[in-house]
Amino acid sequence: MPFNGLPLQTERLLLRPYTREDVPQLHTVLSDPETMRYWPAPFTEDQTAQWVERSLGLYASGLGRFAIVRQADGALIGDAGLLHLEMDGVLEYDVGYIVAANEWRRGYGFEAAAAVVAYGFRTLGLDRLCANMPAAHSASRRLAEKLGMRLEKIYANERNRGIETCLYAKRNETS
């Protein structure tokens, strides 16, 4: 897959590849207990650095997570992107999004995730994209539905404490 089409720009956001210099600002987001409520635990600084390093290693394939930067002030307010992950025993292209809790309910998550979906389908030419989230995470479920994804199944997610997890999916309508 080619690495092109980045950074992604929306009306209010810039989604760009990480640099190692982003770790402190990103750690503020990923270490916040409210932001990471549906994850196994907030990230340590080392986990945040590993998160960035993993994406740096994936960028040549066109995949990875990207910094969500608010264009108005340059603040890093979250993380979104595409990873090729095993979900309930099947390799899928996962659309992921994390927005800092103090930025919730402003539409940033949808704006970033919609840009990632368009990138996955148009630029990378993927046939299918998925999103997974804890069944109890109603805001994330609504966001997936707003993206046009449909609930395919609910499963016990061994990667996240065995909790009930929803798998949403969408097919590329142009392929």
N, C-alpha and C. Protein backbone atom coordinates (compact mmCIF):
# COMPACT_ATOMS: atom_id res chain seq x y z
N MET A 1 0.84 -1.19 0.00
CA MET A 1 0.00 0.00 0.00
C MET A 1 0.88 1.25 0.00
N PRO A 2 0.54 2.22 -0.77
CA PRO A 2 1.36 3.43 -0.83
C PRO A 2 1.15 4.31 0.40
N PHE A 3 2.19 5.04 0.73
CA PHE A 3 2.08 6.02 1.81
C PHE A 3 1.93 7.38 1.17
N ASN A 4 0.67 7.75 0.94
CA ASN A 4 0.40 9.06 0.34
C ASN A 4 -0.93 9.54 0.87
N GLY A 5 -1.30 10.72 0.49
CA GLY A 5 -2.56 11.26 0.95
C GLY A 5 -2.50 11.85 2.35
N LEU A 6 -1.32 11.93 2.93
CA LEU A 6 -1.20 12.48 4.28
C LEU A 6 -0.39 13.75 4.24
N PRO A 7 -0.62 14.70 5.09
CA PRO A 7 -1.61 14.67 6.17
C PRO A 7 -3.03 14.80 5.62
N LEU A 8 -3.97 14.39 6.44
CA LEU A 8 -5.38 14.52 6.12
C LEU A 8 -5.87 15.82 6.73
N GLN A 9 -6.62 16.59 5.98
CA GLN A 9 -7.13 17.86 6.49
C GLN A 9 -8.64 17.86 6.40
N THR A 10 -9.27 18.28 7.48
CA THR A 10 -10.72 18.47 7.51
C THR A 10 -10.98 19.95 7.76
N GLU A 11 -12.23 20.30 7.95
CA GLU A 11 -12.57 21.70 8.18
C GLU A 11 -11.81 22.28 9.38
N ARG A 12 -11.71 21.48 10.46
CA ARG A 12 -11.10 22.00 11.69
C ARG A 12 -9.85 21.27 12.14
N LEU A 13 -9.55 20.13 11.51
CA LEU A 13 -8.48 19.26 12.01
C LEU A 13 -7.43 18.96 10.95
N LEU A 14 -6.26 18.62 11.45
CA LEU A 14 -5.18 18.08 10.64
C LEU A 14 -4.81 16.74 11.26
N LEU A 15 -4.84 15.69 10.48
CA LEU A 15 -4.37 14.37 10.94
C LEU A 15 -3.04 14.14 10.25
N ARG A 16 -2.00 14.07 11.05
CA ARG A 16 -0.66 13.97 10.47
C ARG A 16 0.11 12.85 11.15
N PRO A 17 1.13 12.33 10.46
CA PRO A 17 1.97 11.31 11.09
C PRO A 17 2.62 11.86 12.36
N TYR A 18 2.81 10.96 13.31
CA TYR A 18 3.49 11.32 14.55
C TYR A 18 4.97 11.54 14.32
N THR A 19 5.56 12.31 15.22
CA THR A 19 7.01 12.38 15.38
C THR A 19 7.29 12.00 16.83
N ARG A 20 8.50 11.65 17.12
CA ARG A 20 8.85 11.30 18.52
C ARG A 20 8.62 12.49 19.45
N GLU A 21 8.69 13.69 18.92
CA GLU A 21 8.48 14.89 19.73
C GLU A 21 7.04 15.02 20.19
N ASP A 22 6.11 14.26 19.61
CA ASP A 22 4.70 14.31 20.00
C ASP A 22 4.40 13.53 21.28
N VAL A 23 5.34 12.70 21.74
CA VAL A 23 5.05 11.82 22.88
C VAL A 23 4.55 12.59 24.11
N PRO A 24 5.19 13.66 24.55
CA PRO A 24 4.67 14.34 25.76
C PRO A 24 3.23 14.84 25.61
N GLN A 25 2.92 15.48 24.49
CA GLN A 25 1.55 15.99 24.29
C GLN A 25 0.56 14.84 24.16
N LEU A 26 0.92 13.79 23.42
CA LEU A 26 0.04 12.64 23.27
C LEU A 26 -0.16 11.94 24.61
N HIS A 27 0.89 11.90 25.40
CA HIS A 27 0.77 11.24 26.70
C HIS A 27 -0.26 11.94 27.60
N THR A 28 -0.39 13.23 27.47
CA THR A 28 -1.42 13.95 28.22
C THR A 28 -2.80 13.40 27.89
N VAL A 29 -3.02 13.04 26.63
CA VAL A 29 -4.31 12.47 26.21
C VAL A 29 -4.44 11.02 26.67
N LEU A 30 -3.45 10.20 26.36
CA LEU A 30 -3.54 8.76 26.59
C LEU A 30 -3.37 8.34 28.05
N SER A 31 -2.92 9.25 28.88
CA SER A 31 -2.77 8.93 30.31
C SER A 31 -3.96 9.40 31.14
N ASP A 32 -4.89 10.09 30.51
CA ASP A 32 -6.05 10.62 31.23
C ASP A 32 -7.05 9.50 31.52
N PRO A 33 -7.39 9.26 32.78
CA PRO A 33 -8.31 8.17 33.12
C PRO A 33 -9.69 8.30 32.47
N GLU A 34 -10.21 9.50 32.33
CA GLU A 34 -11.53 9.66 31.71
C GLU A 34 -11.46 9.36 30.21
N THR A 35 -10.46 9.90 29.53
CA THR A 35 -10.29 9.63 28.11
C THR A 35 -10.15 8.14 27.84
N MET A 36 -9.42 7.44 28.71
CA MET A 36 -9.09 6.03 28.50
C MET A 36 -10.00 5.09 29.29
N ARG A 37 -11.14 5.57 29.69
CA ARG A 37 -12.07 4.80 30.52
C ARG A 37 -12.40 3.43 29.93
N TYR A 38 -12.50 3.31 28.62
CA TYR A 38 -12.91 2.06 27.99
C TYR A 38 -11.73 1.20 27.54
N TRP A 39 -10.52 1.65 27.82
CA TRP A 39 -9.31 0.88 27.54
C TRP A 39 -8.95 0.08 28.79
N PRO A 40 -8.08 -0.90 28.65
CA PRO A 40 -7.69 -1.66 29.85
C PRO A 40 -7.16 -0.77 30.97
N ALA A 41 -6.42 0.29 30.61
CA ALA A 41 -5.88 1.23 31.60
C ALA A 41 -5.32 2.43 30.85
N PRO A 42 -5.22 3.58 31.53
CA PRO A 42 -4.52 4.70 30.91
C PRO A 42 -3.08 4.29 30.60
N PHE A 43 -2.49 4.93 29.62
CA PHE A 43 -1.13 4.59 29.20
C PHE A 43 -0.09 5.19 30.13
N THR A 44 1.00 4.45 30.31
CA THR A 44 2.19 4.99 30.95
C THR A 44 2.95 5.78 29.88
N GLU A 45 3.94 6.54 30.29
CA GLU A 45 4.72 7.29 29.31
C GLU A 45 5.42 6.34 28.35
N ASP A 46 5.92 5.21 28.86
CA ASP A 46 6.57 4.22 28.01
C ASP A 46 5.59 3.64 26.99
N GLN A 47 4.36 3.36 27.41
CA GLN A 47 3.36 2.84 26.48
C GLN A 47 3.02 3.87 25.39
N THR A 48 2.96 5.13 25.77
CA THR A 48 2.71 6.18 24.79
C THR A 48 3.84 6.23 23.77
N ALA A 49 5.08 6.15 24.24
CA ALA A 49 6.23 6.16 23.33
C ALA A 49 6.18 4.94 22.41
N GLN A 50 5.80 3.78 22.92
CA GLN A 50 5.68 2.57 22.10
C GLN A 50 4.57 2.73 21.06
N TRP A 51 3.47 3.37 21.45
CA TRP A 51 2.34 3.63 20.55
C TRP A 51 2.82 4.43 19.34
N VAL A 52 3.60 5.49 19.60
CA VAL A 52 4.14 6.33 18.53
C VAL A 52 5.13 5.53 17.69
N GLU A 53 6.01 4.78 18.33
CA GLU A 53 7.01 3.99 17.59
C GLU A 53 6.35 2.98 16.67
N ARG A 54 5.28 2.34 17.14
CA ARG A 54 4.58 1.36 16.29
C ARG A 54 4.07 2.05 15.03
N SER A 55 3.47 3.23 15.18
CA SER A 55 2.98 3.94 14.01
C SER A 55 4.11 4.37 13.09
N LEU A 56 5.22 4.84 13.66
CA LEU A 56 6.36 5.23 12.84
C LEU A 56 6.81 4.06 11.97
N GLY A 57 6.75 2.85 12.51
CA GLY A 57 7.13 1.65 11.77
C GLY A 57 6.11 1.22 10.73
N LEU A 58 4.88 1.67 10.85
CA LEU A 58 3.82 1.28 9.93
C LEU A 58 3.59 2.27 8.79
N TYR A 59 4.08 3.48 8.93
CA TYR A 59 3.75 4.51 7.96
C TYR A 59 4.12 4.16 6.52
N ALA A 60 5.20 3.42 6.31
CA ALA A 60 5.59 3.05 4.95
C ALA A 60 4.50 2.23 4.25
N SER A 61 3.66 1.54 5.03
CA SER A 61 2.57 0.73 4.46
C SER A 61 1.30 1.54 4.25
N GLY A 62 1.30 2.79 4.72
CA GLY A 62 0.10 3.63 4.64
C GLY A 62 -0.78 3.51 5.87
N LEU A 63 -0.43 2.59 6.76
CA LEU A 63 -1.21 2.39 7.98
C LEU A 63 -0.56 3.12 9.14
N GLY A 64 -1.21 3.07 10.29
CA GLY A 64 -0.69 3.69 11.51
C GLY A 64 -1.72 4.61 12.11
N ARG A 65 -1.38 5.10 13.28
CA ARG A 65 -2.23 6.08 13.95
C ARG A 65 -1.59 7.45 13.73
N PHE A 66 -2.45 8.47 13.71
CA PHE A 66 -2.00 9.82 13.40
C PHE A 66 -2.43 10.78 14.49
N ALA A 67 -1.65 11.83 14.65
CA ALA A 67 -1.99 12.88 15.60
C ALA A 67 -3.19 13.65 15.06
N ILE A 68 -4.18 13.89 15.93
CA ILE A 68 -5.30 14.78 15.59
C ILE A 68 -4.92 16.14 16.15
N VAL A 69 -4.71 17.08 15.26
CA VAL A 69 -4.29 18.43 15.64
C VAL A 69 -5.39 19.41 15.25
N ARG A 70 -5.81 20.22 16.22
CA ARG A 70 -6.81 21.25 15.95
C ARG A 70 -6.10 22.37 15.19
N GLN A 71 -6.61 22.70 14.01
CA GLN A 71 -5.95 23.69 13.17
C GLN A 71 -5.95 25.09 13.79
N ALA A 72 -6.99 25.43 14.54
CA ALA A 72 -7.11 26.79 15.08
C ALA A 72 -5.95 27.16 16.00
N ASP A 73 -5.45 26.18 16.76
CA ASP A 73 -4.40 26.51 17.73
C ASP A 73 -3.23 25.54 17.75
N GLY A 74 -3.24 24.51 16.89
CA GLY A 74 -2.14 23.56 16.83
C GLY A 74 -2.10 22.55 17.96
N ALA A 75 -3.15 22.49 18.78
CA ALA A 75 -3.16 21.56 19.91
C ALA A 75 -3.39 20.13 19.44
N LEU A 76 -2.60 19.21 19.97
CA LEU A 76 -2.79 17.79 19.71
C LEU A 76 -3.90 17.33 20.65
N ILE A 77 -5.05 16.95 20.09
CA ILE A 77 -6.22 16.63 20.92
C ILE A 77 -6.65 15.17 20.85
N GLY A 78 -5.90 14.37 20.11
CA GLY A 78 -6.28 12.97 20.03
C GLY A 78 -5.46 12.20 19.02
N ASP A 79 -6.00 11.06 18.65
CA ASP A 79 -5.30 10.06 17.86
C ASP A 79 -6.32 9.33 17.00
N ALA A 80 -6.01 9.12 15.74
CA ALA A 80 -6.91 8.35 14.86
C ALA A 80 -6.08 7.71 13.77
N GLY A 81 -6.59 6.63 13.21
CA GLY A 81 -5.87 5.99 12.12
C GLY A 81 -6.36 4.61 11.82
N LEU A 82 -5.56 3.89 11.05
CA LEU A 82 -5.88 2.55 10.59
C LEU A 82 -4.78 1.58 11.00
N LEU A 83 -5.20 0.46 11.56
CA LEU A 83 -4.28 -0.63 11.89
C LEU A 83 -4.85 -1.92 11.33
N HIS A 84 -3.98 -2.86 11.02
CA HIS A 84 -4.39 -4.19 10.59
C HIS A 84 -4.29 -5.08 11.83
N LEU A 85 -5.46 -5.38 12.42
CA LEU A 85 -5.52 -6.05 13.72
C LEU A 85 -6.37 -7.31 13.68
N GLU A 86 -6.09 -8.21 14.59
CA GLU A 86 -6.94 -9.37 14.78
C GLU A 86 -8.09 -8.95 15.70
N MET A 87 -9.29 -9.19 15.21
CA MET A 87 -10.49 -8.92 16.00
C MET A 87 -11.34 -10.19 15.99
N ASP A 88 -11.49 -10.77 17.15
CA ASP A 88 -12.25 -12.00 17.30
C ASP A 88 -11.79 -13.08 16.32
N GLY A 89 -10.46 -13.21 16.19
CA GLY A 89 -9.88 -14.27 15.38
C GLY A 89 -9.75 -13.98 13.90
N VAL A 90 -10.09 -12.76 13.45
CA VAL A 90 -10.03 -12.40 12.03
C VAL A 90 -9.21 -11.13 11.88
N LEU A 91 -8.30 -11.11 10.89
CA LEU A 91 -7.54 -9.89 10.61
C LEU A 91 -8.44 -8.90 9.89
N GLU A 92 -8.51 -7.70 10.42
CA GLU A 92 -9.37 -6.64 9.88
C GLU A 92 -8.58 -5.34 9.83
N TYR A 93 -9.04 -4.41 8.99
CA TYR A 93 -8.51 -3.05 9.00
C TYR A 93 -9.37 -2.25 9.96
N ASP A 94 -8.77 -1.83 11.05
CA ASP A 94 -9.47 -1.18 12.15
C ASP A 94 -9.32 0.32 12.09
N VAL A 95 -10.45 1.01 12.08
CA VAL A 95 -10.49 2.47 12.20
C VAL A 95 -10.52 2.77 13.69
N GLY A 96 -9.49 3.43 14.18
CA GLY A 96 -9.44 3.77 15.59
C GLY A 96 -9.46 5.26 15.80
N TYR A 97 -10.00 5.67 16.92
CA TYR A 97 -10.07 7.10 17.24
C TYR A 97 -10.13 7.28 18.74
N ILE A 98 -9.34 8.22 19.23
CA ILE A 98 -9.33 8.60 20.64
C ILE A 98 -9.27 10.13 20.66
N VAL A 99 -10.21 10.74 21.34
CA VAL A 99 -10.20 12.20 21.49
C VAL A 99 -10.16 12.50 22.99
N ALA A 100 -9.35 13.47 23.36
CA ALA A 100 -9.23 13.87 24.77
C ALA A 100 -10.60 14.18 25.35
N ALA A 101 -10.85 13.70 26.56
CA ALA A 101 -12.17 13.86 27.20
C ALA A 101 -12.61 15.32 27.26
N ASN A 102 -11.68 16.25 27.48
CA ASN A 102 -12.07 17.66 27.55
C ASN A 102 -12.45 18.24 26.18
N GLU A 103 -12.35 17.43 25.12
CA GLU A 103 -12.73 17.85 23.77
C GLU A 103 -13.96 17.08 23.26
N TRP A 104 -14.54 16.23 24.10
CA TRP A 104 -15.71 15.44 23.70
C TRP A 104 -16.90 16.34 23.39
N ARG A 105 -17.81 15.81 22.62
CA ARG A 105 -19.09 16.44 22.25
C ARG A 105 -18.90 17.71 21.41
N ARG A 106 -17.83 17.72 20.63
CA ARG A 106 -17.60 18.84 19.71
C ARG A 106 -17.50 18.37 18.25
N GLY A 107 -17.69 17.06 18.04
CA GLY A 107 -17.65 16.50 16.69
C GLY A 107 -16.27 16.16 16.17
N TYR A 108 -15.24 16.33 16.99
CA TYR A 108 -13.88 16.05 16.52
C TYR A 108 -13.68 14.58 16.21
N GLY A 109 -14.23 13.69 17.03
CA GLY A 109 -14.06 12.26 16.80
C GLY A 109 -14.64 11.84 15.46
N PHE A 110 -15.85 12.29 15.17
CA PHE A 110 -16.47 11.97 13.89
C PHE A 110 -15.68 12.56 12.74
N GLU A 111 -15.29 13.80 12.86
CA GLU A 111 -14.55 14.48 11.80
C GLU A 111 -13.25 13.73 11.48
N ALA A 112 -12.53 13.34 12.51
CA ALA A 112 -11.27 12.61 12.32
C ALA A 112 -11.52 11.21 11.75
N ALA A 113 -12.48 10.50 12.32
CA ALA A 113 -12.76 9.13 11.87
C ALA A 113 -13.27 9.12 10.43
N ALA A 114 -14.09 10.09 10.06
CA ALA A 114 -14.59 10.16 8.68
C ALA A 114 -13.43 10.37 7.71
N ALA A 115 -12.45 11.19 8.09
CA ALA A 115 -11.28 11.40 7.25
C ALA A 115 -10.48 10.11 7.11
N VAL A 116 -10.37 9.34 8.18
CA VAL A 116 -9.64 8.07 8.15
C VAL A 116 -10.37 7.06 7.25
N VAL A 117 -11.69 7.00 7.36
CA VAL A 117 -12.47 6.09 6.50
C VAL A 117 -12.27 6.47 5.03
N ALA A 118 -12.37 7.74 4.71
CA ALA A 118 -12.17 8.18 3.33
C ALA A 118 -10.76 7.83 2.85
N TYR A 119 -9.76 8.03 3.69
CA TYR A 119 -8.37 7.69 3.37
C TYR A 119 -8.24 6.19 3.11
N GLY A 120 -8.84 5.36 3.98
CA GLY A 120 -8.75 3.91 3.81
C GLY A 120 -9.38 3.44 2.52
N PHE A 121 -10.52 3.98 2.18
CA PHE A 121 -11.21 3.55 0.97
C PHE A 121 -10.63 4.19 -0.29
N ARG A 122 -10.46 5.50 -0.28
CA ARG A 122 -10.04 6.21 -1.51
C ARG A 122 -8.55 6.09 -1.79
N THR A 123 -7.74 6.35 -0.78
CA THR A 123 -6.29 6.37 -0.99
C THR A 123 -5.69 4.97 -0.96
N LEU A 124 -6.08 4.18 0.03
CA LEU A 124 -5.50 2.84 0.17
C LEU A 124 -6.27 1.78 -0.62
N GLY A 125 -7.48 2.09 -1.03
CA GLY A 125 -8.26 1.15 -1.82
C GLY A 125 -8.72 -0.09 -1.06
N LEU A 126 -8.89 0.05 0.25
CA LEU A 126 -9.34 -1.10 1.05
C LEU A 126 -10.80 -1.41 0.75
N ASP A 127 -11.16 -2.68 0.83
CA ASP A 127 -12.53 -3.12 0.55
C ASP A 127 -13.45 -3.03 1.75
N ARG A 128 -12.87 -3.14 2.95
CA ARG A 128 -13.68 -3.22 4.17
C ARG A 128 -12.93 -2.58 5.31
N LEU A 129 -13.64 -1.81 6.11
CA LEU A 129 -13.08 -1.22 7.33
C LEU A 129 -13.97 -1.60 8.50
N CYS A 130 -13.34 -1.75 9.65
CA CYS A 130 -14.07 -2.10 10.88
C CYS A 130 -13.72 -1.12 11.98
N ALA A 131 -14.54 -1.12 12.99
CA ALA A 131 -14.26 -0.41 14.24
C ALA A 131 -14.77 -1.29 15.35
N ASN A 132 -14.01 -1.34 16.43
CA ASN A 132 -14.46 -2.13 17.57
C ASN A 132 -14.38 -1.28 18.81
N MET A 133 -15.34 -1.51 19.70
CA MET A 133 -15.40 -0.74 20.94
C MET A 133 -16.19 -1.53 21.97
N PRO A 134 -15.94 -1.25 23.26
CA PRO A 134 -16.75 -1.90 24.28
C PRO A 134 -18.24 -1.64 24.06
N ALA A 135 -19.04 -2.65 24.28
CA ALA A 135 -20.49 -2.52 24.09
C ALA A 135 -21.06 -1.37 24.91
N ALA A 136 -20.47 -1.10 26.05
CA ALA A 136 -20.95 -0.04 26.94
C ALA A 136 -20.57 1.37 26.46
N HIS A 137 -19.70 1.47 25.46
CA HIS A 137 -19.22 2.77 24.99
C HIS A 137 -20.20 3.32 23.94
N SER A 138 -21.31 3.84 24.42
CA SER A 138 -22.40 4.25 23.53
C SER A 138 -21.99 5.38 22.59
N ALA A 139 -21.15 6.30 23.03
CA ALA A 139 -20.75 7.40 22.14
C ALA A 139 -19.93 6.88 20.96
N SER A 140 -19.04 5.94 21.22
CA SER A 140 -18.24 5.37 20.14
C SER A 140 -19.10 4.53 19.19
N ARG A 141 -20.09 3.85 19.74
CA ARG A 141 -21.01 3.09 18.90
C ARG A 141 -21.80 4.02 17.99
N ARG A 142 -22.28 5.14 18.53
CA ARG A 142 -23.02 6.11 17.72
C ARG A 142 -22.13 6.68 16.62
N LEU A 143 -20.87 6.93 16.95
CA LEU A 143 -19.94 7.46 15.97
C LEU A 143 -19.77 6.46 14.82
N ALA A 144 -19.57 5.18 15.13
CA ALA A 144 -19.43 4.15 14.08
C ALA A 144 -20.68 4.11 13.20
N GLU A 145 -21.84 4.19 13.82
CA GLU A 145 -23.09 4.18 13.05
C GLU A 145 -23.21 5.42 12.17
N LYS A 146 -22.78 6.56 12.68
CA LYS A 146 -22.82 7.80 11.90
C LYS A 146 -21.87 7.72 10.70
N LEU A 147 -20.82 6.91 10.83
CA LEU A 147 -19.89 6.69 9.72
C LEU A 147 -20.47 5.75 8.67
N GLY A 148 -21.65 5.19 8.95
CA GLY A 148 -22.27 4.25 8.03
C GLY A 148 -21.89 2.81 8.28
N MET A 149 -21.25 2.56 9.41
CA MET A 149 -20.88 1.19 9.77
C MET A 149 -22.08 0.49 10.39
N ARG A 150 -22.10 -0.82 10.23
CA ARG A 150 -23.18 -1.63 10.78
C ARG A 150 -22.63 -2.62 11.77
N LEU A 151 -23.36 -2.83 12.84
CA LEU A 151 -22.97 -3.80 13.86
C LEU A 151 -23.01 -5.20 13.25
N GLU A 152 -21.88 -5.90 13.30
CA GLU A 152 -21.83 -7.27 12.79
C GLU A 152 -21.92 -8.31 13.89
N LYS A 153 -21.28 -8.02 15.02
CA LYS A 153 -21.31 -8.99 16.11
C LYS A 153 -20.83 -8.35 17.40
N ILE A 154 -21.13 -9.06 18.47
CA ILE A 154 -20.64 -8.71 19.80
C ILE A 154 -19.88 -9.93 20.30
N TYR A 155 -18.67 -9.70 20.81
CA TYR A 155 -17.83 -10.81 21.25
C TYR A 155 -17.08 -10.44 22.52
N ALA A 156 -16.56 -11.46 23.19
CA ALA A 156 -15.72 -11.24 24.38
C ALA A 156 -14.31 -10.93 23.90
N ASN A 157 -13.84 -9.73 24.16
CA ASN A 157 -12.55 -9.25 23.67
C ASN A 157 -11.44 -9.61 24.64
N GLU A 158 -10.66 -10.61 24.28
CA GLU A 158 -9.56 -11.06 25.14
C GLU A 158 -8.47 -10.01 25.27
N ARG A 159 -8.36 -9.10 24.29
CA ARG A 159 -7.35 -8.03 24.37
C ARG A 159 -7.77 -6.91 25.31
N ASN A 160 -9.04 -6.92 25.73
CA ASN A 160 -9.52 -5.87 26.61
C ASN A 160 -10.36 -6.49 27.74
N ARG A 161 -9.70 -7.23 28.58
CA ARG A 161 -10.27 -7.81 29.82
C ARG A 161 -11.45 -8.73 29.57
N GLY A 162 -11.59 -9.24 28.35
CA GLY A 162 -12.71 -10.14 28.04
C GLY A 162 -14.06 -9.47 28.00
N ILE A 163 -14.07 -8.13 27.95
CA ILE A 163 -15.35 -7.43 28.00
C ILE A 163 -16.11 -7.57 26.69
N GLU A 164 -17.41 -7.40 26.77
CA GLU A 164 -18.28 -7.46 25.61
C GLU A 164 -17.91 -6.31 24.66
N THR A 165 -17.59 -6.69 23.43
CA THR A 165 -17.09 -5.73 22.44
C THR A 165 -17.91 -5.81 21.17
N CYS A 166 -18.20 -4.66 20.61
CA CYS A 166 -18.96 -4.58 19.36
C CYS A 166 -18.00 -4.47 18.18
N LEU A 167 -18.30 -5.19 17.12
CA LEU A 167 -17.56 -5.07 15.88
C LEU A 167 -18.49 -4.48 14.82
N TYR A 168 -18.13 -3.28 14.37
CA TYR A 168 -18.87 -2.60 13.31
C TYR A 168 -18.05 -2.69 12.03
N ALA A 169 -18.72 -2.72 10.88
CA ALA A 169 -18.00 -2.81 9.61
C ALA A 169 -18.72 -2.02 8.52
N LYS A 170 -17.91 -1.66 7.52
CA LYS A 170 -18.44 -0.95 6.35
C LYS A 170 -17.64 -1.40 5.15
N ARG A 171 -18.31 -1.61 4.05
CA ARG A 171 -17.68 -1.97 2.78
C ARG A 171 -17.44 -0.71 1.95
N ASN A 172 -16.40 -0.78 1.14
CA ASN A 172 -16.08 0.29 0.22
C ASN A 172 -17.12 0.27 -0.91
N GLU A 173 -17.89 1.30 -1.02
CA GLU A 173 -18.96 1.36 -2.02
C GLU A 173 -18.45 1.68 -3.41
N THR A 174 -17.17 2.05 -3.53
CA THR A 174 -16.63 2.40 -4.83
C THR A 174 -15.83 1.25 -5.45
N SER A 175 -15.62 0.17 -4.70
CA SER A 175 -14.80 -0.94 -5.26
C SER A 175 -15.68 -2.02 -5.84
